[in-house]
Each structure stands twice: as C-alpha cells, then as structure tokens.
Amino acid sequence: MKKWIGAILVAAFVSCLSPVASADIFDDSKVKVIYNGTEQNFEPKAVIWNDYTLVPFRQVFELYGADVQWNNETKMITATKDDLSIEIPASGKKAFINGEEIELAQGPLNAKGTTLVGLRFVSEALGAEVSFDKATLTVYINTDEFEPEFFGITQ
C-alpha cells in the first residue's frame, strides 16, 4: 500500500513539471496585444508564461501575412514570408531563421490542443518593433517603417 501511495505522489509531482499547460492558464489571462493600433483577439488568448507572452503560432504568423505549415511527423512549425523562413520545433528552446539556429528564451508551450510561441520572438523575426506595458499587461507591436535586423540576421 505504501509503495502505491509513493508511486502516486511521484507521478503527481512529475506531472507538475510537464511543459504542457492546462486550459485554465487562459481563464485569468488579461494580456492585450495591440498590432499597429488594433487590438488582436487570439483564440486561445495570449498568456504570460514564465514572464514571456505566448500566442497561438498559426494566428500570429498569419497576422504578419506569413504562410504557415505544421508538420505533424517532425512536430515542426514552418512560417515563410517573402525570403524569410522561420522554423520552430514544437518542443525545446531553439528555432531557425533562414537555417541559422537561434536559442529561444522560452520554448513553445502546448495548451488547449494549440502550440503557443513567443510573441516577441516571432514579431521581431518578422521585422516588428515590440514593447510591453507591464502595468496594463499590454503588448504593443509596430510594423510601420521598421527596418529589421535581429539575431544577427538581416532580411
């Protein structure tokens, strides 16, 4: 009996360490995303996880007009826009911009059947200027006349 209780406690502890988030992380999310002056409504909502704003990958890439593909076999997100290619594995903390490996501060998160990615990383990789108002939990994104040169890679 003691072995079973111990096994259950260990399993419960390990499940708490999982990178998969439960749906309730969205319930209290008050993060707003303002893209070129217009508030965006992501579904599921944008969330703050480990101090990073995460959003559904497909919606954020499409917001920028990028073509988005999901490879279920390799679990890889690929977004292309003009001559820029961004690849993000669904797990881990790396991404690739035009084939060059980039270390991510926060890797993707799986929640509500959706893969969420870092909003700042995607936005800056696609040439946007990003700022965050911590007091109002609002992310401001501006793409107007912004010349990108991020991660040592020029478009």
N, C-alpha and C. Protein backbone atom coordinates (compact mmCIF):
# COMPACT_ATOMS: atom_id res chain seq x y z
N MET A 1 0.82 -1.19 0.00
CA MET A 1 0.00 0.00 0.00
C MET A 1 0.87 1.26 0.00
N LYS A 2 1.95 1.27 0.83
CA LYS A 2 2.82 2.42 0.90
C LYS A 2 3.53 2.66 -0.43
N LYS A 3 3.86 1.56 -1.13
CA LYS A 3 4.52 1.71 -2.43
C LYS A 3 3.59 2.40 -3.43
N TRP A 4 2.31 2.06 -3.41
CA TRP A 4 1.34 2.67 -4.32
C TRP A 4 1.18 4.16 -4.02
N ILE A 5 1.10 4.51 -2.76
CA ILE A 5 0.96 5.92 -2.39
C ILE A 5 2.20 6.68 -2.82
N GLY A 6 3.37 6.10 -2.59
CA GLY A 6 4.61 6.74 -3.01
C GLY A 6 4.67 6.93 -4.52
N ALA A 7 4.25 5.91 -5.26
CA ALA A 7 4.25 5.99 -6.72
C ALA A 7 3.29 7.07 -7.21
N ILE A 8 2.13 7.17 -6.57
CA ILE A 8 1.15 8.18 -6.96
C ILE A 8 1.69 9.58 -6.68
N LEU A 9 2.33 9.77 -5.54
CA LEU A 9 2.91 11.07 -5.21
C LEU A 9 4.01 11.46 -6.18
N VAL A 10 4.87 10.51 -6.54
CA VAL A 10 5.94 10.79 -7.50
C VAL A 10 5.33 11.15 -8.86
N ALA A 11 4.32 10.41 -9.30
CA ALA A 11 3.66 10.70 -10.59
C ALA A 11 3.02 12.08 -10.57
N ALA A 12 2.39 12.44 -9.47
CA ALA A 12 1.77 13.76 -9.36
C ALA A 12 2.81 14.86 -9.42
N PHE A 13 3.93 14.67 -8.76
CA PHE A 13 5.00 15.66 -8.77
C PHE A 13 5.57 15.82 -10.18
N VAL A 14 5.85 14.72 -10.85
CA VAL A 14 6.41 14.77 -12.20
C VAL A 14 5.44 15.44 -13.16
N SER A 15 4.15 15.19 -13.03
CA SER A 15 3.18 15.80 -13.94
C SER A 15 3.14 17.31 -13.76
N CYS A 16 3.48 17.80 -12.59
CA CYS A 16 3.52 19.25 -12.36
C CYS A 16 4.67 19.90 -13.11
N LEU A 17 5.69 19.14 -13.44
CA LEU A 17 6.86 19.67 -14.15
C LEU A 17 6.69 19.66 -15.66
N SER A 18 5.61 19.11 -16.14
CA SER A 18 5.38 18.96 -17.57
C SER A 18 5.25 20.31 -18.28
N PRO A 19 5.80 20.45 -19.53
CA PRO A 19 5.67 21.70 -20.26
C PRO A 19 4.29 21.87 -20.88
N VAL A 20 3.41 20.93 -20.70
CA VAL A 20 2.06 21.05 -21.23
C VAL A 20 1.21 21.77 -20.20
N ALA A 21 0.58 22.84 -20.64
CA ALA A 21 -0.22 23.65 -19.71
C ALA A 21 -1.68 23.25 -19.77
N SER A 22 -2.34 23.36 -18.66
CA SER A 22 -3.77 23.06 -18.65
C SER A 22 -4.53 24.24 -19.21
N ALA A 23 -5.77 24.01 -19.59
CA ALA A 23 -6.59 25.05 -20.20
C ALA A 23 -6.83 26.22 -19.26
N ASP A 24 -6.74 26.02 -17.95
CA ASP A 24 -7.08 27.10 -17.03
C ASP A 24 -6.06 28.24 -17.03
N ILE A 25 -4.91 28.10 -17.69
CA ILE A 25 -3.98 29.22 -17.77
C ILE A 25 -4.59 30.37 -18.57
N PHE A 26 -5.58 30.08 -19.39
CA PHE A 26 -6.22 31.11 -20.20
C PHE A 26 -7.34 31.84 -19.46
N ASP A 27 -7.89 31.22 -18.42
CA ASP A 27 -9.06 31.76 -17.75
C ASP A 27 -8.86 33.16 -17.19
N ASP A 28 -7.72 33.42 -16.58
CA ASP A 28 -7.48 34.71 -15.96
C ASP A 28 -6.55 35.60 -16.79
N SER A 29 -6.28 35.21 -18.03
CA SER A 29 -5.36 35.99 -18.85
C SER A 29 -5.96 37.35 -19.18
N LYS A 30 -5.20 38.37 -18.88
CA LYS A 30 -5.64 39.73 -19.17
C LYS A 30 -4.65 40.42 -20.11
N VAL A 31 -3.85 39.63 -20.81
CA VAL A 31 -2.87 40.18 -21.73
C VAL A 31 -3.58 40.71 -22.97
N LYS A 32 -3.22 41.93 -23.34
CA LYS A 32 -3.75 42.53 -24.58
C LYS A 32 -2.60 42.65 -25.57
N VAL A 33 -2.92 42.42 -26.83
CA VAL A 33 -1.95 42.58 -27.90
C VAL A 33 -2.49 43.62 -28.87
N ILE A 34 -1.74 44.71 -29.04
CA ILE A 34 -2.13 45.80 -29.94
C ILE A 34 -1.16 45.77 -31.12
N TYR A 35 -1.69 45.46 -32.29
CA TYR A 35 -0.89 45.35 -33.52
C TYR A 35 -1.21 46.53 -34.42
N ASN A 36 -0.24 47.41 -34.62
CA ASN A 36 -0.44 48.62 -35.43
C ASN A 36 -1.73 49.36 -35.04
N GLY A 37 -1.96 49.48 -33.74
CA GLY A 37 -3.10 50.24 -33.23
C GLY A 37 -4.40 49.47 -33.06
N THR A 38 -4.43 48.20 -33.47
CA THR A 38 -5.66 47.41 -33.40
C THR A 38 -5.48 46.24 -32.43
N GLU A 39 -6.41 46.12 -31.48
CA GLU A 39 -6.33 45.01 -30.54
C GLU A 39 -6.63 43.69 -31.24
N GLN A 40 -5.82 42.68 -30.95
CA GLN A 40 -5.96 41.36 -31.54
C GLN A 40 -6.64 40.42 -30.56
N ASN A 41 -7.48 39.56 -31.07
CA ASN A 41 -8.19 38.58 -30.24
C ASN A 41 -7.74 37.18 -30.62
N PHE A 42 -6.74 36.69 -29.92
CA PHE A 42 -6.24 35.35 -30.17
C PHE A 42 -7.14 34.34 -29.48
N GLU A 43 -7.27 33.17 -30.11
CA GLU A 43 -8.05 32.08 -29.52
C GLU A 43 -7.25 30.80 -29.61
N PRO A 44 -6.76 30.24 -28.53
CA PRO A 44 -6.92 30.73 -27.17
C PRO A 44 -6.19 32.05 -26.94
N LYS A 45 -6.49 32.69 -25.84
CA LYS A 45 -5.95 34.01 -25.51
C LYS A 45 -4.44 33.99 -25.37
N ALA A 46 -3.85 35.18 -25.57
CA ALA A 46 -2.44 35.36 -25.26
C ALA A 46 -2.26 35.20 -23.76
N VAL A 47 -1.16 34.59 -23.36
CA VAL A 47 -0.89 34.36 -21.94
C VAL A 47 0.55 34.75 -21.61
N ILE A 48 0.79 34.99 -20.34
CA ILE A 48 2.16 35.17 -19.87
C ILE A 48 2.54 33.88 -19.16
N TRP A 49 3.65 33.29 -19.61
CA TRP A 49 4.14 32.04 -19.06
C TRP A 49 5.63 32.21 -18.82
N ASN A 50 6.08 32.06 -17.60
CA ASN A 50 7.49 32.26 -17.25
C ASN A 50 8.00 33.63 -17.69
N ASP A 51 7.16 34.64 -17.54
CA ASP A 51 7.48 36.03 -17.89
C ASP A 51 7.55 36.30 -19.39
N TYR A 52 7.04 35.41 -20.22
CA TYR A 52 7.02 35.62 -21.67
C TYR A 52 5.59 35.56 -22.18
N THR A 53 5.26 36.44 -23.12
CA THR A 53 3.93 36.44 -23.71
C THR A 53 3.91 35.41 -24.83
N LEU A 54 2.97 34.47 -24.73
CA LEU A 54 2.84 33.40 -25.73
C LEU A 54 1.49 33.50 -26.41
N VAL A 55 1.48 33.20 -27.71
CA VAL A 55 0.25 33.27 -28.51
C VAL A 55 0.19 32.05 -29.43
N PRO A 56 -1.01 31.72 -29.94
CA PRO A 56 -1.14 30.59 -30.88
C PRO A 56 -0.28 30.84 -32.13
N PHE A 57 0.55 29.86 -32.48
CA PHE A 57 1.51 30.05 -33.56
C PHE A 57 0.87 30.41 -34.89
N ARG A 58 -0.17 29.71 -35.29
CA ARG A 58 -0.75 29.94 -36.61
C ARG A 58 -1.32 31.37 -36.71
N GLN A 59 -2.03 31.79 -35.68
CA GLN A 59 -2.66 33.11 -35.71
C GLN A 59 -1.64 34.24 -35.77
N VAL A 60 -0.55 34.11 -35.01
CA VAL A 60 0.42 35.20 -35.01
C VAL A 60 1.16 35.26 -36.35
N PHE A 61 1.54 34.13 -36.91
CA PHE A 61 2.21 34.17 -38.21
C PHE A 61 1.28 34.70 -39.30
N GLU A 62 0.04 34.29 -39.28
CA GLU A 62 -0.92 34.77 -40.28
C GLU A 62 -1.20 36.26 -40.12
N LEU A 63 -1.11 36.77 -38.90
CA LEU A 63 -1.26 38.20 -38.66
C LEU A 63 -0.23 38.99 -39.47
N TYR A 64 0.94 38.45 -39.63
CA TYR A 64 2.01 39.08 -40.40
C TYR A 64 1.97 38.73 -41.89
N GLY A 65 0.99 37.95 -42.29
CA GLY A 65 0.88 37.57 -43.69
C GLY A 65 1.82 36.45 -44.10
N ALA A 66 2.31 35.70 -43.14
CA ALA A 66 3.21 34.59 -43.44
C ALA A 66 2.41 33.34 -43.77
N ASP A 67 2.99 32.50 -44.61
CA ASP A 67 2.43 31.19 -44.91
C ASP A 67 2.89 30.24 -43.81
N VAL A 68 1.96 29.51 -43.21
CA VAL A 68 2.28 28.67 -42.06
C VAL A 68 1.99 27.21 -42.36
N GLN A 69 2.94 26.36 -41.98
CA GLN A 69 2.77 24.93 -42.15
C GLN A 69 3.08 24.24 -40.83
N TRP A 70 2.36 23.15 -40.55
CA TRP A 70 2.62 22.31 -39.39
C TRP A 70 2.94 20.93 -39.92
N ASN A 71 4.10 20.40 -39.58
CA ASN A 71 4.48 19.05 -39.97
C ASN A 71 4.26 18.16 -38.76
N ASN A 72 3.22 17.35 -38.80
CA ASN A 72 2.86 16.50 -37.67
C ASN A 72 3.90 15.41 -37.42
N GLU A 73 4.58 14.98 -38.48
CA GLU A 73 5.59 13.94 -38.34
C GLU A 73 6.81 14.43 -37.56
N THR A 74 7.30 15.61 -37.94
CA THR A 74 8.51 16.16 -37.29
C THR A 74 8.16 17.10 -36.14
N LYS A 75 6.87 17.41 -35.97
CA LYS A 75 6.41 18.36 -34.94
C LYS A 75 7.12 19.71 -35.10
N MET A 76 7.13 20.19 -36.36
CA MET A 76 7.84 21.42 -36.69
C MET A 76 6.87 22.44 -37.28
N ILE A 77 6.96 23.66 -36.77
CA ILE A 77 6.22 24.80 -37.32
C ILE A 77 7.14 25.47 -38.33
N THR A 78 6.63 25.75 -39.52
CA THR A 78 7.41 26.47 -40.52
C THR A 78 6.57 27.63 -41.03
N ALA A 79 7.14 28.83 -40.99
CA ALA A 79 6.46 30.01 -41.50
C ALA A 79 7.38 30.68 -42.51
N THR A 80 6.80 31.08 -43.63
CA THR A 80 7.59 31.76 -44.65
C THR A 80 6.88 33.05 -45.07
N LYS A 81 7.68 34.05 -45.27
CA LYS A 81 7.18 35.33 -45.78
C LYS A 81 8.30 35.95 -46.61
N ASP A 82 7.98 36.20 -47.86
CA ASP A 82 8.98 36.72 -48.80
C ASP A 82 10.19 35.79 -48.78
N ASP A 83 11.38 36.30 -48.46
CA ASP A 83 12.58 35.46 -48.47
C ASP A 83 13.00 35.04 -47.06
N LEU A 84 12.06 35.08 -46.12
CA LEU A 84 12.34 34.72 -44.74
C LEU A 84 11.65 33.41 -44.38
N SER A 85 12.39 32.51 -43.76
CA SER A 85 11.85 31.24 -43.30
C SER A 85 12.14 31.10 -41.81
N ILE A 86 11.09 30.79 -41.04
CA ILE A 86 11.24 30.58 -39.60
C ILE A 86 10.73 29.18 -39.29
N GLU A 87 11.57 28.39 -38.62
CA GLU A 87 11.17 27.05 -38.21
C GLU A 87 11.30 26.96 -36.70
N ILE A 88 10.25 26.42 -36.06
CA ILE A 88 10.24 26.27 -34.62
C ILE A 88 9.79 24.85 -34.29
N PRO A 89 10.66 24.04 -33.69
CA PRO A 89 10.21 22.73 -33.22
C PRO A 89 9.19 22.92 -32.09
N ALA A 90 8.21 22.05 -32.00
CA ALA A 90 7.13 22.18 -31.01
C ALA A 90 7.62 22.01 -29.58
N SER A 91 8.83 21.51 -29.40
CA SER A 91 9.38 21.41 -28.05
C SER A 91 10.84 21.85 -28.10
N GLY A 92 11.37 22.22 -26.98
CA GLY A 92 12.75 22.66 -26.91
C GLY A 92 12.84 24.18 -26.93
N LYS A 93 14.06 24.67 -26.95
CA LYS A 93 14.28 26.11 -26.90
C LYS A 93 15.17 26.58 -28.04
N LYS A 94 14.86 26.12 -29.24
CA LYS A 94 15.60 26.60 -30.38
C LYS A 94 14.64 26.86 -31.53
N ALA A 95 15.11 27.69 -32.45
CA ALA A 95 14.36 28.00 -33.67
C ALA A 95 15.41 28.21 -34.76
N PHE A 96 14.93 28.30 -35.98
CA PHE A 96 15.84 28.51 -37.10
C PHE A 96 15.28 29.64 -37.97
N ILE A 97 16.12 30.63 -38.22
CA ILE A 97 15.75 31.72 -39.13
C ILE A 97 16.65 31.58 -40.34
N ASN A 98 16.03 31.31 -41.50
CA ASN A 98 16.76 31.05 -42.74
C ASN A 98 17.88 30.03 -42.50
N GLY A 99 17.58 29.00 -41.71
CA GLY A 99 18.51 27.92 -41.47
C GLY A 99 19.49 28.15 -40.33
N GLU A 100 19.60 29.37 -39.82
CA GLU A 100 20.52 29.66 -38.71
C GLU A 100 19.83 29.39 -37.39
N GLU A 101 20.49 28.61 -36.53
CA GLU A 101 19.91 28.25 -35.24
C GLU A 101 19.92 29.45 -34.28
N ILE A 102 18.78 29.65 -33.62
CA ILE A 102 18.60 30.72 -32.64
C ILE A 102 18.17 30.07 -31.34
N GLU A 103 18.78 30.47 -30.23
CA GLU A 103 18.38 29.98 -28.91
C GLU A 103 17.21 30.82 -28.42
N LEU A 104 16.10 30.16 -28.05
CA LEU A 104 14.92 30.85 -27.55
C LEU A 104 14.99 30.97 -26.03
N ALA A 105 14.57 32.11 -25.50
CA ALA A 105 14.49 32.28 -24.05
C ALA A 105 13.35 31.44 -23.49
N GLN A 106 12.27 31.29 -24.27
CA GLN A 106 11.11 30.49 -23.87
C GLN A 106 10.69 29.65 -25.07
N GLY A 107 10.67 28.37 -24.90
CA GLY A 107 10.24 27.48 -25.97
C GLY A 107 8.74 27.46 -26.10
N PRO A 108 8.22 26.79 -27.12
CA PRO A 108 6.77 26.67 -27.31
C PRO A 108 6.10 25.97 -26.14
N LEU A 109 4.82 26.22 -26.01
CA LEU A 109 4.01 25.63 -24.94
C LEU A 109 2.77 25.02 -25.59
N ASN A 110 2.41 23.81 -25.20
CA ASN A 110 1.21 23.17 -25.72
C ASN A 110 0.09 23.30 -24.72
N ALA A 111 -1.03 23.89 -25.15
CA ALA A 111 -2.18 24.08 -24.27
C ALA A 111 -3.45 24.14 -25.11
N LYS A 112 -4.51 23.54 -24.61
CA LYS A 112 -5.80 23.54 -25.30
C LYS A 112 -5.67 23.02 -26.73
N GLY A 113 -4.79 22.07 -26.93
CA GLY A 113 -4.61 21.50 -28.27
C GLY A 113 -3.93 22.44 -29.25
N THR A 114 -3.32 23.51 -28.73
CA THR A 114 -2.67 24.51 -29.58
C THR A 114 -1.24 24.71 -29.11
N THR A 115 -0.36 24.94 -30.06
CA THR A 115 1.02 25.27 -29.72
C THR A 115 1.15 26.78 -29.67
N LEU A 116 1.62 27.28 -28.54
CA LEU A 116 1.83 28.71 -28.34
C LEU A 116 3.31 29.01 -28.48
N VAL A 117 3.63 30.15 -29.09
CA VAL A 117 5.03 30.55 -29.28
C VAL A 117 5.23 31.96 -28.74
N GLY A 118 6.49 32.32 -28.55
CA GLY A 118 6.83 33.64 -28.02
C GLY A 118 6.47 34.75 -29.00
N LEU A 119 5.63 35.66 -28.53
CA LEU A 119 5.17 36.76 -29.38
C LEU A 119 6.32 37.68 -29.78
N ARG A 120 7.19 38.02 -28.85
CA ARG A 120 8.30 38.93 -29.18
C ARG A 120 9.23 38.30 -30.22
N PHE A 121 9.58 37.02 -30.02
CA PHE A 121 10.48 36.37 -30.97
C PHE A 121 9.90 36.40 -32.38
N VAL A 122 8.65 35.97 -32.53
CA VAL A 122 8.03 35.93 -33.85
C VAL A 122 7.94 37.33 -34.44
N SER A 123 7.49 38.28 -33.64
CA SER A 123 7.30 39.65 -34.14
C SER A 123 8.62 40.27 -34.59
N GLU A 124 9.65 40.14 -33.77
CA GLU A 124 10.93 40.73 -34.13
C GLU A 124 11.56 40.00 -35.32
N ALA A 125 11.40 38.69 -35.39
CA ALA A 125 11.93 37.95 -36.53
C ALA A 125 11.26 38.38 -37.84
N LEU A 126 10.00 38.81 -37.73
CA LEU A 126 9.26 39.25 -38.92
C LEU A 126 9.34 40.76 -39.11
N GLY A 127 10.22 41.41 -38.36
CA GLY A 127 10.50 42.81 -38.63
C GLY A 127 9.69 43.83 -37.87
N ALA A 128 9.10 43.46 -36.77
CA ALA A 128 8.28 44.40 -36.00
C ALA A 128 9.04 44.91 -34.78
N GLU A 129 8.62 46.06 -34.32
CA GLU A 129 9.12 46.62 -33.07
C GLU A 129 8.11 46.27 -31.99
N VAL A 130 8.59 45.77 -30.85
CA VAL A 130 7.71 45.28 -29.79
C VAL A 130 8.03 45.99 -28.48
N SER A 131 6.98 46.40 -27.77
CA SER A 131 7.16 46.94 -26.42
C SER A 131 6.07 46.36 -25.53
N PHE A 132 6.33 46.37 -24.23
CA PHE A 132 5.40 45.78 -23.27
C PHE A 132 5.16 46.75 -22.13
N ASP A 133 3.89 47.01 -21.83
CA ASP A 133 3.50 47.83 -20.69
C ASP A 133 3.09 46.88 -19.58
N LYS A 134 3.98 46.72 -18.61
CA LYS A 134 3.75 45.76 -17.54
C LYS A 134 2.55 46.14 -16.68
N ALA A 135 2.32 47.44 -16.48
CA ALA A 135 1.21 47.89 -15.63
C ALA A 135 -0.14 47.49 -16.19
N THR A 136 -0.28 47.50 -17.51
CA THR A 136 -1.57 47.18 -18.14
C THR A 136 -1.56 45.81 -18.82
N LEU A 137 -0.41 45.11 -18.76
CA LEU A 137 -0.24 43.82 -19.44
C LEU A 137 -0.60 43.92 -20.92
N THR A 138 -0.06 44.96 -21.56
CA THR A 138 -0.35 45.20 -22.97
C THR A 138 0.94 45.14 -23.78
N VAL A 139 0.89 44.35 -24.86
CA VAL A 139 2.00 44.27 -25.81
C VAL A 139 1.65 45.16 -26.99
N TYR A 140 2.56 46.05 -27.34
CA TYR A 140 2.38 46.93 -28.50
C TYR A 140 3.34 46.49 -29.59
N ILE A 141 2.78 46.28 -30.78
CA ILE A 141 3.59 45.85 -31.92
C ILE A 141 3.41 46.88 -33.03
N ASN A 142 4.55 47.32 -33.59
CA ASN A 142 4.52 48.29 -34.68
C ASN A 142 5.34 47.75 -35.83
N THR A 143 4.72 47.69 -37.01
CA THR A 143 5.44 47.22 -38.19
C THR A 143 5.70 48.35 -39.18
N ASP A 144 5.20 49.54 -38.90
CA ASP A 144 5.33 50.67 -39.82
C ASP A 144 6.76 51.16 -39.91
N GLU A 145 7.32 51.10 -41.12
CA GLU A 145 8.64 51.65 -41.42
C GLU A 145 9.70 51.24 -40.42
N PHE A 146 9.68 49.99 -40.03
CA PHE A 146 10.66 49.48 -39.09
C PHE A 146 11.61 48.59 -39.87
N GLU A 147 12.89 48.88 -39.80
CA GLU A 147 13.88 48.10 -40.54
C GLU A 147 14.46 47.01 -39.65
N PRO A 148 14.12 45.75 -39.90
CA PRO A 148 14.58 44.68 -39.00
C PRO A 148 16.03 44.28 -39.19
N GLU A 149 16.69 44.04 -38.09
CA GLU A 149 18.00 43.39 -38.07
C GLU A 149 18.11 42.75 -36.70
N PHE A 150 17.63 41.52 -36.60
CA PHE A 150 17.54 40.84 -35.31
C PHE A 150 18.33 39.56 -35.34
N PHE A 151 18.81 39.18 -34.19
CA PHE A 151 19.50 37.92 -34.01
C PHE A 151 20.73 37.82 -34.92
N GLY A 152 21.26 38.97 -35.34
CA GLY A 152 22.43 38.97 -36.20
C GLY A 152 22.10 38.60 -37.64
N ILE A 153 20.80 38.57 -37.97
CA ILE A 153 20.37 38.19 -39.32
C ILE A 153 19.63 39.38 -39.94
N THR A 154 20.02 39.78 -41.12
CA THR A 154 19.34 40.88 -41.81
C THR A 154 18.45 40.30 -42.89
N GLN A 155 17.26 40.85 -43.00
CA GLN A 155 16.34 40.36 -44.05
C GLN A 155 16.76 40.88 -45.39
